[in-house]
Amino acid sequence: MIRIDLKSIIYLIGLTVILIFVFRIFWPLLIILAIYLLYQYLKARMLIKSAEKQMRKELRENISVEQQLFQSQVHQNDVIDAEYVEHKEQNDVQ
């Protein structure tokens, strides 16, 4: 069986009375606080989205600049002529 002592019951009653008092007297402040918190949340989301959009734009620009640099360095008409000759070392035994 669950044992509930008198101290817990008094604490619970006191907490309930305080909450009722806060909600009855300060409900307009609670509404204002809720609206302010919602505004700050939406503002932060918009800031994060704009930062993400700016990052993606800069990333696209960096990739296009790198592609242009790479394409200017390597032309399709350039022919690389390389000749490979294998030299045997003196220690190689056949």
N, C-alpha and C. Protein backbone atom coordinates (compact mmCIF):
# COMPACT_ATOMS: atom_id res chain seq x y z
N MET A 1 0.83 -1.17 0.00
CA MET A 1 0.00 0.00 0.00
C MET A 1 0.89 1.25 0.00
N ILE A 2 0.49 2.26 -0.71
CA ILE A 2 1.25 3.49 -0.80
C ILE A 2 0.99 4.34 0.45
N ARG A 3 2.06 4.77 1.07
CA ARG A 3 1.95 5.57 2.28
C ARG A 3 2.15 7.03 1.93
N ILE A 4 1.18 7.85 2.16
CA ILE A 4 1.27 9.29 1.90
C ILE A 4 1.25 9.99 3.26
N ASP A 5 2.32 10.73 3.52
CA ASP A 5 2.36 11.40 4.82
C ASP A 5 1.74 12.79 4.73
N LEU A 6 1.54 13.38 5.87
CA LEU A 6 0.88 14.68 5.99
C LEU A 6 1.68 15.79 5.31
N LYS A 7 3.00 15.69 5.37
CA LYS A 7 3.87 16.72 4.76
C LYS A 7 3.65 16.78 3.24
N SER A 8 3.52 15.64 2.58
CA SER A 8 3.29 15.61 1.13
C SER A 8 1.95 16.20 0.78
N ILE A 9 0.94 15.90 1.56
CA ILE A 9 -0.41 16.41 1.29
C ILE A 9 -0.44 17.93 1.43
N ILE A 10 0.19 18.47 2.48
CA ILE A 10 0.23 19.92 2.67
C ILE A 10 1.01 20.59 1.55
N TYR A 11 2.12 19.99 1.12
CA TYR A 11 2.91 20.53 0.02
C TYR A 11 2.08 20.57 -1.26
N LEU A 12 1.36 19.51 -1.55
CA LEU A 12 0.53 19.44 -2.76
C LEU A 12 -0.59 20.47 -2.72
N ILE A 13 -1.23 20.64 -1.57
CA ILE A 13 -2.30 21.64 -1.43
C ILE A 13 -1.73 23.05 -1.61
N GLY A 14 -0.57 23.32 -1.02
CA GLY A 14 0.07 24.64 -1.16
C GLY A 14 0.44 24.94 -2.60
N LEU A 15 0.99 23.96 -3.28
CA LEU A 15 1.36 24.13 -4.69
C LEU A 15 0.12 24.39 -5.54
N THR A 16 -0.97 23.70 -5.27
CA THR A 16 -2.21 23.90 -6.02
C THR A 16 -2.76 25.31 -5.79
N VAL A 17 -2.73 25.78 -4.55
CA VAL A 17 -3.22 27.13 -4.25
C VAL A 17 -2.37 28.18 -4.95
N ILE A 18 -1.06 28.01 -4.95
CA ILE A 18 -0.17 28.97 -5.62
C ILE A 18 -0.43 28.98 -7.12
N LEU A 19 -0.59 27.81 -7.74
CA LEU A 19 -0.87 27.75 -9.17
C LEU A 19 -2.20 28.40 -9.52
N ILE A 20 -3.21 28.15 -8.71
CA ILE A 20 -4.51 28.78 -8.95
C ILE A 20 -4.38 30.30 -8.85
N PHE A 21 -3.66 30.78 -7.85
CA PHE A 21 -3.45 32.22 -7.68
C PHE A 21 -2.72 32.82 -8.89
N VAL A 22 -1.66 32.15 -9.34
CA VAL A 22 -0.88 32.65 -10.48
C VAL A 22 -1.74 32.71 -11.73
N PHE A 23 -2.50 31.66 -11.99
CA PHE A 23 -3.32 31.66 -13.20
C PHE A 23 -4.48 32.64 -13.14
N ARG A 24 -5.05 32.85 -11.98
CA ARG A 24 -6.19 33.77 -11.87
C ARG A 24 -5.74 35.22 -11.93
N ILE A 25 -4.62 35.55 -11.33
CA ILE A 25 -4.17 36.94 -11.25
C ILE A 25 -3.30 37.32 -12.45
N PHE A 26 -2.39 36.44 -12.83
CA PHE A 26 -1.38 36.80 -13.83
C PHE A 26 -1.64 36.18 -15.20
N TRP A 27 -2.87 35.77 -15.51
CA TRP A 27 -3.11 35.16 -16.81
C TRP A 27 -2.82 36.09 -17.98
N PRO A 28 -3.03 37.41 -17.88
CA PRO A 28 -2.66 38.25 -19.03
C PRO A 28 -1.15 38.25 -19.28
N LEU A 29 -0.38 38.23 -18.20
CA LEU A 29 1.08 38.18 -18.37
C LEU A 29 1.52 36.86 -18.97
N LEU A 30 0.84 35.79 -18.60
CA LEU A 30 1.18 34.49 -19.16
C LEU A 30 0.88 34.43 -20.66
N ILE A 31 -0.22 35.06 -21.06
CA ILE A 31 -0.55 35.12 -22.49
C ILE A 31 0.49 35.95 -23.24
N ILE A 32 0.87 37.09 -22.67
CA ILE A 32 1.89 37.93 -23.29
C ILE A 32 3.22 37.17 -23.39
N LEU A 33 3.58 36.45 -22.33
CA LEU A 33 4.81 35.66 -22.35
C LEU A 33 4.76 34.57 -23.42
N ALA A 34 3.62 33.91 -23.55
CA ALA A 34 3.47 32.87 -24.57
C ALA A 34 3.58 33.45 -25.97
N ILE A 35 2.97 34.62 -26.20
CA ILE A 35 3.07 35.27 -27.51
C ILE A 35 4.51 35.68 -27.80
N TYR A 36 5.20 36.21 -26.81
CA TYR A 36 6.60 36.62 -26.98
C TYR A 36 7.49 35.42 -27.31
N LEU A 37 7.29 34.31 -26.59
CA LEU A 37 8.09 33.12 -26.85
C LEU A 37 7.81 32.56 -28.24
N LEU A 38 6.55 32.59 -28.67
CA LEU A 38 6.21 32.14 -30.02
C LEU A 38 6.86 33.03 -31.07
N TYR A 39 6.86 34.34 -30.84
CA TYR A 39 7.50 35.28 -31.76
C TYR A 39 9.01 35.00 -31.86
N GLN A 40 9.66 34.80 -30.73
CA GLN A 40 11.10 34.53 -30.74
C GLN A 40 11.40 33.20 -31.44
N TYR A 41 10.55 32.21 -31.25
CA TYR A 41 10.74 30.92 -31.92
C TYR A 41 10.63 31.07 -33.43
N LEU A 42 9.61 31.77 -33.89
CA LEU A 42 9.44 31.97 -35.34
C LEU A 42 10.57 32.82 -35.92
N LYS A 43 11.02 33.81 -35.18
CA LYS A 43 12.12 34.66 -35.62
C LYS A 43 13.41 33.83 -35.76
N ALA A 44 13.66 32.94 -34.81
CA ALA A 44 14.85 32.08 -34.88
C ALA A 44 14.76 31.13 -36.06
N ARG A 45 13.57 30.57 -36.31
CA ARG A 45 13.41 29.67 -37.47
C ARG A 45 13.67 30.41 -38.78
N MET A 46 13.16 31.63 -38.89
CA MET A 46 13.38 32.41 -40.11
C MET A 46 14.86 32.73 -40.28
N LEU A 47 15.54 33.05 -39.20
CA LEU A 47 16.97 33.35 -39.25
C LEU A 47 17.76 32.12 -39.69
N ILE A 48 17.41 30.97 -39.17
CA ILE A 48 18.10 29.73 -39.55
C ILE A 48 17.86 29.41 -41.02
N LYS A 49 16.63 29.58 -41.49
CA LYS A 49 16.32 29.30 -42.90
C LYS A 49 17.06 30.25 -43.82
N SER A 50 17.14 31.54 -43.46
CA SER A 50 17.85 32.49 -44.33
C SER A 50 19.35 32.20 -44.33
N ALA A 51 19.90 31.79 -43.19
CA ALA A 51 21.32 31.45 -43.14
C ALA A 51 21.59 30.21 -43.97
N GLU A 52 20.68 29.24 -43.92
CA GLU A 52 20.85 28.03 -44.72
C GLU A 52 20.76 28.35 -46.22
N LYS A 53 19.83 29.21 -46.58
CA LYS A 53 19.69 29.60 -47.98
C LYS A 53 20.95 30.33 -48.47
N GLN A 54 21.50 31.22 -47.64
CA GLN A 54 22.72 31.95 -47.99
C GLN A 54 23.90 30.98 -48.12
N MET A 55 23.99 30.00 -47.23
CA MET A 55 25.06 29.02 -47.31
C MET A 55 24.99 28.22 -48.59
N ARG A 56 23.78 27.79 -48.95
CA ARG A 56 23.62 27.02 -50.19
C ARG A 56 23.99 27.86 -51.41
N LYS A 57 23.63 29.14 -51.39
CA LYS A 57 23.97 30.03 -52.50
C LYS A 57 25.48 30.17 -52.62
N GLU A 58 26.16 30.39 -51.50
CA GLU A 58 27.62 30.52 -51.53
C GLU A 58 28.28 29.22 -51.95
N LEU A 59 27.74 28.10 -51.53
CA LEU A 59 28.30 26.81 -51.91
C LEU A 59 28.17 26.59 -53.41
N ARG A 60 27.01 26.94 -53.97
CA ARG A 60 26.83 26.83 -55.42
C ARG A 60 27.81 27.72 -56.16
N GLU A 61 28.03 28.94 -55.66
CA GLU A 61 28.98 29.86 -56.31
C GLU A 61 30.40 29.31 -56.23
N ASN A 62 30.78 28.75 -55.08
CA ASN A 62 32.12 28.19 -54.94
C ASN A 62 32.32 27.00 -55.86
N ILE A 63 31.30 26.16 -56.00
CA ILE A 63 31.42 25.01 -56.88
C ILE A 63 31.53 25.46 -58.33
N SER A 64 30.75 26.45 -58.72
CA SER A 64 30.83 26.92 -60.11
C SER A 64 32.17 27.58 -60.39
N VAL A 65 32.73 28.31 -59.44
CA VAL A 65 34.05 28.92 -59.63
C VAL A 65 35.11 27.84 -59.76
N GLU A 66 35.04 26.81 -58.92
CA GLU A 66 36.02 25.73 -59.00
C GLU A 66 35.90 24.98 -60.32
N GLN A 67 34.68 24.78 -60.81
CA GLN A 67 34.50 24.11 -62.10
C GLN A 67 35.09 24.95 -63.23
N GLN A 68 34.89 26.27 -63.18
CA GLN A 68 35.46 27.14 -64.20
C GLN A 68 36.98 27.10 -64.17
N LEU A 69 37.56 27.12 -62.99
CA LEU A 69 39.01 27.04 -62.88
C LEU A 69 39.54 25.72 -63.40
N PHE A 70 38.87 24.64 -63.07
CA PHE A 70 39.30 23.33 -63.54
C PHE A 70 39.17 23.22 -65.06
N GLN A 71 38.08 23.72 -65.61
CA GLN A 71 37.89 23.65 -67.06
C GLN A 71 38.88 24.54 -67.79
N SER A 72 39.27 25.65 -67.19
CA SER A 72 40.25 26.51 -67.87
C SER A 72 41.64 25.89 -67.83
N GLN A 73 41.93 25.07 -66.82
CA GLN A 73 43.24 24.44 -66.73
C GLN A 73 43.36 23.23 -67.66
N VAL A 74 42.30 22.48 -67.80
CA VAL A 74 42.34 21.27 -68.63
C VAL A 74 41.42 21.49 -69.82
N HIS A 75 42.00 21.59 -70.99
CA HIS A 75 41.21 21.76 -72.20
C HIS A 75 41.01 20.41 -72.86
N GLN A 76 39.93 20.27 -73.57
CA GLN A 76 39.65 18.99 -74.21
C GLN A 76 40.59 18.75 -75.38
N ASN A 77 41.13 19.78 -75.97
CA ASN A 77 42.01 19.64 -77.13
C ASN A 77 43.44 19.29 -76.71
N ASP A 78 43.76 19.42 -75.46
CA ASP A 78 45.11 19.09 -75.00
C ASP A 78 45.31 17.58 -75.06
N VAL A 79 46.42 17.19 -75.63
CA VAL A 79 46.76 15.78 -75.73
C VAL A 79 47.99 15.55 -74.88
N ILE A 80 47.91 14.60 -74.03
CA ILE A 80 49.06 14.26 -73.20
C ILE A 80 49.69 13.02 -73.80
N ASP A 81 50.93 13.16 -74.22
CA ASP A 81 51.64 12.03 -74.82
C ASP A 81 52.66 11.56 -73.80
N ALA A 82 52.46 10.39 -73.32
CA ALA A 82 53.37 9.86 -72.32
C ALA A 82 53.85 8.49 -72.78
N GLU A 83 55.09 8.25 -72.56
CA GLU A 83 55.67 6.98 -72.96
C GLU A 83 56.21 6.32 -71.70
N TYR A 84 55.85 5.08 -71.51
CA TYR A 84 56.28 4.37 -70.31
C TYR A 84 57.26 3.29 -70.71
N VAL A 85 58.41 3.36 -70.12
CA VAL A 85 59.42 2.34 -70.38
C VAL A 85 59.80 1.75 -69.04
N GLU A 86 59.75 0.43 -68.96
CA GLU A 86 60.09 -0.23 -67.71
C GLU A 86 61.56 -0.59 -67.74
N HIS A 87 62.24 -0.14 -66.74
CA HIS A 87 63.67 -0.44 -66.61
C HIS A 87 63.85 -1.52 -65.57
N LYS A 88 64.71 -2.45 -65.88
CA LYS A 88 64.96 -3.52 -64.93
C LYS A 88 66.12 -3.11 -64.04
N GLU A 89 65.96 -3.46 -62.78
CA GLU A 89 67.05 -3.16 -61.85
C GLU A 89 68.08 -4.29 -61.90
N GLN A 90 69.21 -4.03 -61.39
CA GLN A 90 70.27 -5.03 -61.42
C GLN A 90 69.95 -6.21 -60.50
N ASN A 91 69.18 -6.01 -59.48
CA ASN A 91 68.89 -7.09 -58.54
C ASN A 91 67.76 -8.01 -59.02
N ASP A 92 67.06 -7.63 -60.09
CA ASP A 92 65.96 -8.45 -60.60
C ASP A 92 66.53 -9.69 -61.26
N VAL A 93 66.01 -10.84 -60.90
CA VAL A 93 66.47 -12.09 -61.48
C VAL A 93 65.30 -12.72 -62.20
N GLN A 94 65.55 -13.19 -63.42
CA GLN A 94 64.47 -13.83 -64.17
C GLN A 94 64.62 -15.31 -64.20
